[in-house]
Structure formats: structure tokens, C-alpha cells
Amino acid sequence: MGPMEEWWDQLDSATRQWLVKNPGCVTLPRIVVHAISTAIHEDLGEDQHGQLELSDEDRQFIQSRAGQEQADGPGIGR
């Protein structure tokens, strides 16, 4: 799996919105991991509980997107 920035546009709007509304999340819950895996057609290497720890790079990217949405208003994450 490459950096989130590379496959962000493949995610559905609900998944992008969840990520933007939870920019401090370090570990993604399994339902979000499943949505991402389905969207990008790739195994993400989740843990035994179906969760995935985000890289520092991915967390920074999400925080940047969340900041853009706050500045631009709703819709930027869609």
C-alpha cells in the first residue's frame, strides 16, 4: 500500500468524511479499513482485529485535508 495521498480519490465520500472528521486517529477501525481495502482493491495488512495503524505521513495528510475542509467549508473531502 502506498501513501494515502496516492489513493485518496479512490475512496468513497463517506470514508473520506470519516477520516477528515477524525484527523487525530492513529489506528483505523476495521470497518474503515475494510472500506479502504475494498476501494483500492488491496490488502492493507491490518492486525488480528482488522485494524490498521496509520503512518506518520498518512496522519499528516489527513490532518492537512481536515484543515482544508475547515478553511474551505464542507465538500472538500468529497
PDB file of N, CA and C in Angstrom:
ATOM      1  N   MET A   1       0.845  -1.176   0.000  1.00  0.00           N
ATOM      2  CA  MET A   1       0.000   0.000   0.000  1.00  0.00           C
ATOM      3  C   MET A   1       0.886   1.233   0.000  1.00  0.00           C
ATOM      4  N   GLY A   2       0.626   2.107  -0.930  1.00  0.00           N
ATOM      5  CA  GLY A   2       1.364   3.355  -0.981  1.00  0.00           C
ATOM      6  C   GLY A   2       0.754   4.388  -0.049  1.00  0.00           C
ATOM      7  N   PRO A   3       1.300   5.588  -0.071  1.00  0.00           N
ATOM      8  CA  PRO A   3       0.771   6.645   0.781  1.00  0.00           C
ATOM      9  C   PRO A   3      -0.696   6.958   0.474  1.00  0.00           C
ATOM     10  N   MET A   4      -1.432   7.328   1.490  1.00  0.00           N
ATOM     11  CA  MET A   4      -2.851   7.623   1.352  1.00  0.00           C
ATOM     12  C   MET A   4      -3.113   8.694   0.287  1.00  0.00           C
ATOM     13  N   GLU A   5      -2.226   9.625   0.183  1.00  0.00           N
ATOM     14  CA  GLU A   5      -2.385  10.702  -0.798  1.00  0.00           C
ATOM     15  C   GLU A   5      -2.547  10.145  -2.217  1.00  0.00           C
ATOM     16  N   GLU A   6      -1.910   9.014  -2.502  1.00  0.00           N
ATOM     17  CA  GLU A   6      -1.957   8.419  -3.834  1.00  0.00           C
ATOM     18  C   GLU A   6      -3.310   7.790  -4.149  1.00  0.00           C
ATOM     19  N   TRP A   7      -4.040   7.328  -3.144  1.00  0.00           N
ATOM     20  CA  TRP A   7      -5.307   6.638  -3.402  1.00  0.00           C
ATOM     21  C   TRP A   7      -6.507   7.314  -2.759  1.00  0.00           C
ATOM     22  N   TRP A   8      -6.336   8.505  -2.235  1.00  0.00           N
ATOM     23  CA  TRP A   8      -7.416   9.253  -1.585  1.00  0.00           C
ATOM     24  C   TRP A   8      -8.643   9.386  -2.489  1.00  0.00           C
ATOM     25  N   ASP A   9      -8.449   9.712  -3.743  1.00  0.00           N
ATOM     26  CA  ASP A   9      -9.570   9.938  -4.667  1.00  0.00           C
ATOM     27  C   ASP A   9     -10.339   8.659  -4.999  1.00  0.00           C
ATOM     28  N   GLN A  10      -9.793   7.507  -4.680  1.00  0.00           N
ATOM     29  CA  GLN A  10     -10.493   6.239  -4.916  1.00  0.00           C
ATOM     30  C   GLN A  10     -11.486   5.913  -3.794  1.00  0.00           C
ATOM     31  N   LEU A  11     -11.364   6.609  -2.667  1.00  0.00           N
ATOM     32  CA  LEU A  11     -12.240   6.345  -1.527  1.00  0.00           C
ATOM     33  C   LEU A  11     -13.609   6.961  -1.745  1.00  0.00           C
ATOM     34  N   ASP A  12     -14.635   6.309  -1.200  1.00  0.00           N
ATOM     35  CA  ASP A  12     -15.970   6.891  -1.291  1.00  0.00           C
ATOM     36  C   ASP A  12     -16.057   8.089  -0.340  1.00  0.00           C
ATOM     37  N   SER A  13     -17.028   8.937  -0.564  1.00  0.00           N
ATOM     38  CA  SER A  13     -17.126  10.175   0.205  1.00  0.00           C
ATOM     39  C   SER A  13     -17.343   9.922   1.695  1.00  0.00           C
ATOM     40  N   ALA A  14     -18.078   8.870   2.048  1.00  0.00           N
ATOM     41  CA  ALA A  14     -18.320   8.572   3.463  1.00  0.00           C
ATOM     42  C   ALA A  14     -17.009   8.224   4.176  1.00  0.00           C
ATOM     43  N   THR A  15     -16.156   7.472   3.527  1.00  0.00           N
ATOM     44  CA  THR A  15     -14.869   7.099   4.129  1.00  0.00           C
ATOM     45  C   THR A  15     -13.971   8.317   4.248  1.00  0.00           C
ATOM     46  N   ARG A  16     -13.912   9.121   3.203  1.00  0.00           N
ATOM     47  CA  ARG A  16     -13.102  10.352   3.270  1.00  0.00           C
ATOM     48  C   ARG A  16     -13.608  11.260   4.387  1.00  0.00           C
ATOM     49  N   GLN A  17     -14.938  11.397   4.498  1.00  0.00           N
ATOM     50  CA  GLN A  17     -15.510  12.245   5.545  1.00  0.00           C
ATOM     51  C   GLN A  17     -15.152  11.715   6.925  1.00  0.00           C
ATOM     52  N   TRP A  18     -15.218  10.399   7.117  1.00  0.00           N
ATOM     53  CA  TRP A  18     -14.864   9.833   8.418  1.00  0.00           C
ATOM     54  C   TRP A  18     -13.418  10.179   8.758  1.00  0.00           C
ATOM     55  N   LEU A  19     -12.533  10.008   7.802  1.00  0.00           N
ATOM     56  CA  LEU A  19     -11.119  10.303   8.042  1.00  0.00           C
ATOM     57  C   LEU A  19     -10.905  11.780   8.372  1.00  0.00           C
ATOM     58  N   VAL A  20     -11.562  12.659   7.641  1.00  0.00           N
ATOM     59  CA  VAL A  20     -11.421  14.100   7.865  1.00  0.00           C
ATOM     60  C   VAL A  20     -12.005  14.500   9.223  1.00  0.00           C
ATOM     61  N   LYS A  21     -13.073  13.853   9.636  1.00  0.00           N
ATOM     62  CA  LYS A  21     -13.697  14.182  10.923  1.00  0.00           C
ATOM     63  C   LYS A  21     -12.952  13.560  12.101  1.00  0.00           C
ATOM     64  N   ASN A  22     -12.024  12.664  11.823  1.00  0.00           N
ATOM     65  CA  ASN A  22     -11.227  12.005  12.863  1.00  0.00           C
ATOM     66  C   ASN A  22      -9.737  12.137  12.549  1.00  0.00           C
ATOM     67  N   PRO A  23      -9.245  13.366  12.379  1.00  0.00           N
ATOM     68  CA  PRO A  23      -7.867  13.552  11.916  1.00  0.00           C
ATOM     69  C   PRO A  23      -6.785  13.135  12.908  1.00  0.00           C
ATOM     70  N   GLY A  24      -7.143  12.953  14.170  1.00  0.00           N
ATOM     71  CA  GLY A  24      -6.161  12.542  15.157  1.00  0.00           C
ATOM     72  C   GLY A  24      -6.077  11.043  15.351  1.00  0.00           C
ATOM     73  N   CYS A  25      -6.860  10.310  14.585  1.00  0.00           N
ATOM     74  CA  CYS A  25      -6.912   8.855  14.720  1.00  0.00           C
ATOM     75  C   CYS A  25      -5.564   8.242  14.326  1.00  0.00           C
ATOM     76  N   VAL A  26      -5.037   7.395  15.203  1.00  0.00           N
ATOM     77  CA  VAL A  26      -3.773   6.720  14.938  1.00  0.00           C
ATOM     78  C   VAL A  26      -4.024   5.332  14.361  1.00  0.00           C
ATOM     79  N   THR A  27      -5.069   4.676  14.856  1.00  0.00           N
ATOM     80  CA  THR A  27      -5.430   3.332  14.406  1.00  0.00           C
ATOM     81  C   THR A  27      -6.838   3.363  13.830  1.00  0.00           C
ATOM     82  N   LEU A  28      -6.968   2.917  12.592  1.00  0.00           N
ATOM     83  CA  LEU A  28      -8.271   2.906  11.944  1.00  0.00           C
ATOM     84  C   LEU A  28      -9.090   1.702  12.376  1.00  0.00           C
ATOM     85  N   PRO A  29     -10.382   1.899  12.643  1.00  0.00           N
ATOM     86  CA  PRO A  29     -11.244   0.768  12.980  1.00  0.00           C
ATOM     87  C   PRO A  29     -11.444  -0.131  11.762  1.00  0.00           C
ATOM     88  N   ARG A  30     -11.804  -1.383  12.027  1.00  0.00           N
ATOM     89  CA  ARG A  30     -11.874  -2.369  10.943  1.00  0.00           C
ATOM     90  C   ARG A  30     -12.879  -2.017   9.860  1.00  0.00           C
ATOM     91  N   ILE A  31     -13.980  -1.342  10.194  1.00  0.00           N
ATOM     92  CA  ILE A  31     -14.956  -1.001   9.154  1.00  0.00           C
ATOM     93  C   ILE A  31     -14.365   0.020   8.170  1.00  0.00           C
ATOM     94  N   VAL A  32     -13.542   0.927   8.671  1.00  0.00           N
ATOM     95  CA  VAL A  32     -12.883   1.903   7.793  1.00  0.00           C
ATOM     96  C   VAL A  32     -11.793   1.205   6.979  1.00  0.00           C
ATOM     97  N   VAL A  33     -11.048   0.320   7.620  1.00  0.00           N
ATOM     98  CA  VAL A  33     -10.020  -0.444   6.909  1.00  0.00           C
ATOM     99  C   VAL A  33     -10.656  -1.248   5.777  1.00  0.00           C
ATOM    100  N   HIS A  34     -11.787  -1.881   6.054  1.00  0.00           N
ATOM    101  CA  HIS A  34     -12.477  -2.671   5.031  1.00  0.00           C
ATOM    102  C   HIS A  34     -12.926  -1.775   3.866  1.00  0.00           C
ATOM    103  N   ALA A  35     -13.467  -0.608   4.175  1.00  0.00           N
ATOM    104  CA  ALA A  35     -13.909   0.311   3.119  1.00  0.00           C
ATOM    105  C   ALA A  35     -12.742   0.760   2.249  1.00  0.00           C
ATOM    106  N   ILE A  36     -11.618   1.031   2.876  1.00  0.00           N
ATOM    107  CA  ILE A  36     -10.432   1.455   2.121  1.00  0.00           C
ATOM    108  C   ILE A  36      -9.917   0.300   1.271  1.00  0.00           C
ATOM    109  N   SER A  37      -9.780  -0.866   1.872  1.00  0.00           N
ATOM    110  CA  SER A  37      -9.289  -2.041   1.159  1.00  0.00           C
ATOM    111  C   SER A  37     -10.158  -2.360  -0.052  1.00  0.00           C
ATOM    112  N   THR A  38     -11.468  -2.268   0.120  1.00  0.00           N
ATOM    113  CA  THR A  38     -12.403  -2.520  -0.981  1.00  0.00           C
ATOM    114  C   THR A  38     -12.233  -1.479  -2.085  1.00  0.00           C
ATOM    115  N   ALA A  39     -12.075  -0.229  -1.695  1.00  0.00           N
ATOM    116  CA  ALA A  39     -11.970   0.854  -2.679  1.00  0.00           C
ATOM    117  C   ALA A  39     -10.695   0.769  -3.509  1.00  0.00           C
ATOM    118  N   ILE A  40      -9.591   0.412  -2.867  1.00  0.00           N
ATOM    119  CA  ILE A  40      -8.320   0.408  -3.603  1.00  0.00           C
ATOM    120  C   ILE A  40      -7.918  -0.988  -4.074  1.00  0.00           C
ATOM    121  N   HIS A  41      -8.766  -1.986  -3.767  1.00  0.00           N
ATOM    122  CA  HIS A  41      -8.537  -3.371  -4.205  1.00  0.00           C
ATOM    123  C   HIS A  41      -7.165  -3.886  -3.770  1.00  0.00           C
ATOM    124  N   GLU A  42      -6.867  -3.661  -2.489  1.00  0.00           N
ATOM    125  CA  GLU A  42      -5.572  -4.077  -1.974  1.00  0.00           C
ATOM    126  C   GLU A  42      -5.697  -4.443  -0.501  1.00  0.00           C
ATOM    127  N   ASP A  43      -4.962  -5.460  -0.100  1.00  0.00           N
ATOM    128  CA  ASP A  43      -4.889  -5.844   1.307  1.00  0.00           C
ATOM    129  C   ASP A  43      -4.016  -4.819   2.010  1.00  0.00           C
ATOM    130  N   LEU A  44      -4.492  -4.286   3.123  1.00  0.00           N
ATOM    131  CA  LEU A  44      -3.774  -3.231   3.818  1.00  0.00           C
ATOM    132  C   LEU A  44      -2.845  -3.747   4.910  1.00  0.00           C
ATOM    133  N   GLY A  45      -2.877  -5.039   5.176  1.00  0.00           N
ATOM    134  CA  GLY A  45      -2.010  -5.592   6.206  1.00  0.00           C
ATOM    135  C   GLY A  45      -2.479  -5.243   7.606  1.00  0.00           C
ATOM    136  N   GLU A  46      -3.802  -5.290   7.793  1.00  0.00           N
ATOM    137  CA  GLU A  46      -4.362  -4.959   9.100  1.00  0.00           C
ATOM    138  C   GLU A  46      -3.953  -5.988  10.151  1.00  0.00           C
ATOM    139  N   ASP A  47      -4.137  -5.621  11.421  1.00  0.00           N
ATOM    140  CA  ASP A  47      -3.773  -6.513  12.516  1.00  0.00           C
ATOM    141  C   ASP A  47      -4.840  -7.590  12.734  1.00  0.00           C
ATOM    142  N   GLN A  48      -4.673  -8.385  13.760  1.00  0.00           N
ATOM    143  CA  GLN A  48      -5.577  -9.516  14.030  1.00  0.00           C
ATOM    144  C   GLN A  48      -6.998  -9.072  14.328  1.00  0.00           C
ATOM    145  N   HIS A  49      -7.183  -7.803  14.664  1.00  0.00           N
ATOM    146  CA  HIS A  49      -8.512  -7.272  14.966  1.00  0.00           C
ATOM    147  C   HIS A  49      -9.125  -6.538  13.770  1.00  0.00           C
ATOM    148  N   GLY A  50      -8.408  -6.541  12.650  1.00  0.00           N
ATOM    149  CA  GLY A  50      -8.896  -5.863  11.460  1.00  0.00           C
ATOM    150  C   GLY A  50      -8.603  -4.376  11.450  1.00  0.00           C
ATOM    151  N   GLN A  51      -7.788  -3.925  12.395  1.00  0.00           N
ATOM    152  CA  GLN A  51      -7.450  -2.508  12.483  1.00  0.00           C
ATOM    153  C   GLN A  51      -6.123  -2.238  11.783  1.00  0.00           C
ATOM    154  N   LEU A  52      -5.869  -0.966  11.518  1.00  0.00           N
ATOM    155  CA  LEU A  52      -4.646  -0.583  10.825  1.00  0.00           C
ATOM    156  C   LEU A  52      -4.079   0.664  11.472  1.00  0.00           C
ATOM    157  N   GLU A  53      -2.814   0.627  11.807  1.00  0.00           N
ATOM    158  CA  GLU A  53      -2.143   1.807  12.341  1.00  0.00           C
ATOM    159  C   GLU A  53      -1.670   2.659  11.161  1.00  0.00           C
ATOM    160  N   LEU A  54      -2.013   3.935  11.215  1.00  0.00           N
ATOM    161  CA  LEU A  54      -1.625   4.847  10.143  1.00  0.00           C
ATOM    162  C   LEU A  54      -0.170   5.272  10.293  1.00  0.00           C
ATOM    163  N   SER A  55       0.476   5.499   9.169  1.00  0.00           N
ATOM    164  CA  SER A  55       1.841   6.026   9.190  1.00  0.00           C
ATOM    165  C   SER A  55       1.790   7.509   9.555  1.00  0.00           C
ATOM    166  N   ASP A  56       2.923   8.042   9.965  1.00  0.00           N
ATOM    167  CA  ASP A  56       3.006   9.480  10.259  1.00  0.00           C
ATOM    168  C   ASP A  56       2.615  10.288   9.025  1.00  0.00           C
ATOM    169  N   GLU A  57       3.078   9.832   7.854  1.00  0.00           N
ATOM    170  CA  GLU A  57       2.785  10.528   6.601  1.00  0.00           C
ATOM    171  C   GLU A  57       1.279  10.570   6.333  1.00  0.00           C
ATOM    172  N   ASP A  58       0.595   9.447   6.545  1.00  0.00           N
ATOM    173  CA  ASP A  58      -0.847   9.391   6.319  1.00  0.00           C
ATOM    174  C   ASP A  58      -1.603  10.259   7.322  1.00  0.00           C
ATOM    175  N   ARG A  59      -1.161  10.260   8.580  1.00  0.00           N
ATOM    176  CA  ARG A  59      -1.822  11.108   9.581  1.00  0.00           C
ATOM    177  C   ARG A  59      -1.663  12.586   9.232  1.00  0.00           C
ATOM    178  N   GLN A  60      -0.488  12.966   8.774  1.00  0.00           N
ATOM    179  CA  GLN A  60      -0.259  14.360   8.371  1.00  0.00           C
ATOM    180  C   GLN A  60      -1.132  14.728   7.181  1.00  0.00           C
ATOM    181  N   PHE A  61      -1.266  13.806   6.234  1.00  0.00           N
ATOM    182  CA  PHE A  61      -2.102  14.056   5.069  1.00  0.00           C
ATOM    183  C   PHE A  61      -3.555  14.268   5.489  1.00  0.00           C
ATOM    184  N   ILE A  62      -4.069  13.398   6.365  1.00  0.00           N
ATOM    185  CA  ILE A  62      -5.452  13.530   6.833  1.00  0.00           C
ATOM    186  C   ILE A  62      -5.639  14.845   7.576  1.00  0.00           C
ATOM    187  N   GLN A  63      -4.695  15.203   8.415  1.00  0.00           N
ATOM    188  CA  GLN A  63      -4.790  16.460   9.155  1.00  0.00           C
ATOM    189  C   GLN A  63      -4.780  17.650   8.204  1.00  0.00           C
ATOM    190  N   SER A  64      -4.007  17.547   7.142  1.00  0.00           N
ATOM    191  CA  SER A  64      -3.984  18.603   6.131  1.00  0.00           C
ATOM    192  C   SER A  64      -5.338  18.719   5.439  1.00  0.00           C
ATOM    193  N   ARG A  65      -5.922  17.575   5.073  1.00  0.00           N
ATOM    194  CA  ARG A  65      -7.246  17.585   4.433  1.00  0.00           C
ATOM    195  C   ARG A  65      -8.300  18.146   5.374  1.00  0.00           C
ATOM    196  N   ALA A  66      -8.215  17.790   6.644  1.00  0.00           N
ATOM    197  CA  ALA A  66      -9.170  18.303   7.634  1.00  0.00           C
ATOM    198  C   ALA A  66      -9.026  19.815   7.763  1.00  0.00           C
ATOM    199  N   GLY A  67      -7.803  20.302   7.754  1.00  0.00           N
ATOM    200  CA  GLY A  67      -7.564  21.743   7.819  1.00  0.00           C
ATOM    201  C   GLY A  67      -8.101  22.464   6.596  1.00  0.00           C
ATOM    202  N   GLN A  68      -7.968  21.848   5.430  1.00  0.00           N
ATOM    203  CA  GLN A  68      -8.513  22.436   4.198  1.00  0.00           C
ATOM    204  C   GLN A  68     -10.021  22.533   4.273  1.00  0.00           C
ATOM    205  N   GLU A  69     -10.661  21.479   4.787  1.00  0.00           N
ATOM    206  CA  GLU A  69     -12.111  21.482   4.876  1.00  0.00           C
ATOM    207  C   GLU A  69     -12.591  22.569   5.821  1.00  0.00           C
ATOM    208  N   GLN A  70     -11.910  22.760   6.923  1.00  0.00           N
ATOM    209  CA  GLN A  70     -12.295  23.817   7.861  1.00  0.00           C
ATOM    210  C   GLN A  70     -12.150  25.181   7.213  1.00  0.00           C
ATOM    211  N   ALA A  71     -11.078  25.369   6.432  1.00  0.00           N
ATOM    212  CA  ALA A  71     -10.841  26.638   5.781  1.00  0.00           C
ATOM    213  C   ALA A  71     -11.808  26.896   4.612  1.00  0.00           C
ATOM    214  N   ASP A  72     -12.082  25.831   3.845  1.00  0.00           N
ATOM    215  CA  ASP A  72     -12.905  25.971   2.632  1.00  0.00           C
ATOM    216  C   ASP A  72     -14.378  25.697   2.849  1.00  0.00           C
ATOM    217  N   GLY A  73     -14.718  25.073   3.958  1.00  0.00           N
ATOM    218  CA  GLY A  73     -16.110  24.701   4.205  1.00  0.00           C
ATOM    219  C   GLY A  73     -16.372  23.298   3.739  1.00  0.00           C
ATOM    220  N   PRO A  74     -17.571  22.773   3.997  1.00  0.00           N
ATOM    221  CA  PRO A  74     -17.894  21.403   3.622  1.00  0.00           C
ATOM    222  C   PRO A  74     -17.744  21.141   2.137  1.00  0.00           C
ATOM    223  N   GLY A  75     -17.381  19.909   1.839  1.00  0.00           N
ATOM    224  CA  GLY A  75     -17.308  19.496   0.437  1.00  0.00           C
ATOM    225  C   GLY A  75     -15.915  19.190  -0.038  1.00  0.00           C
ATOM    226  N   ILE A  76     -14.878  19.712   0.605  1.00  0.00           N
ATOM    227  CA  ILE A  76     -13.523  19.483   0.130  1.00  0.00           C
ATOM    228  C   ILE A  76     -13.122  18.013   0.229  1.00  0.00           C
ATOM    229  N   GLY A  77     -13.646  17.279   1.201  1.00  0.00           N
ATOM    230  CA  GLY A  77     -13.298  15.877   1.355  1.00  0.00           C
ATOM    231  C   GLY A  77     -14.110  14.955   0.477  1.00  0.00           C
ATOM    232  N   ARG A  78     -14.989  15.487  -0.326  1.00  0.00           N
ATOM    233  CA  ARG A  78     -15.866  14.645  -1.146  1.00  0.00           C
ATOM    234  C   ARG A  78     -15.315  14.398  -2.502  1.00  0.00           C
TER     235      ARG A  78
END
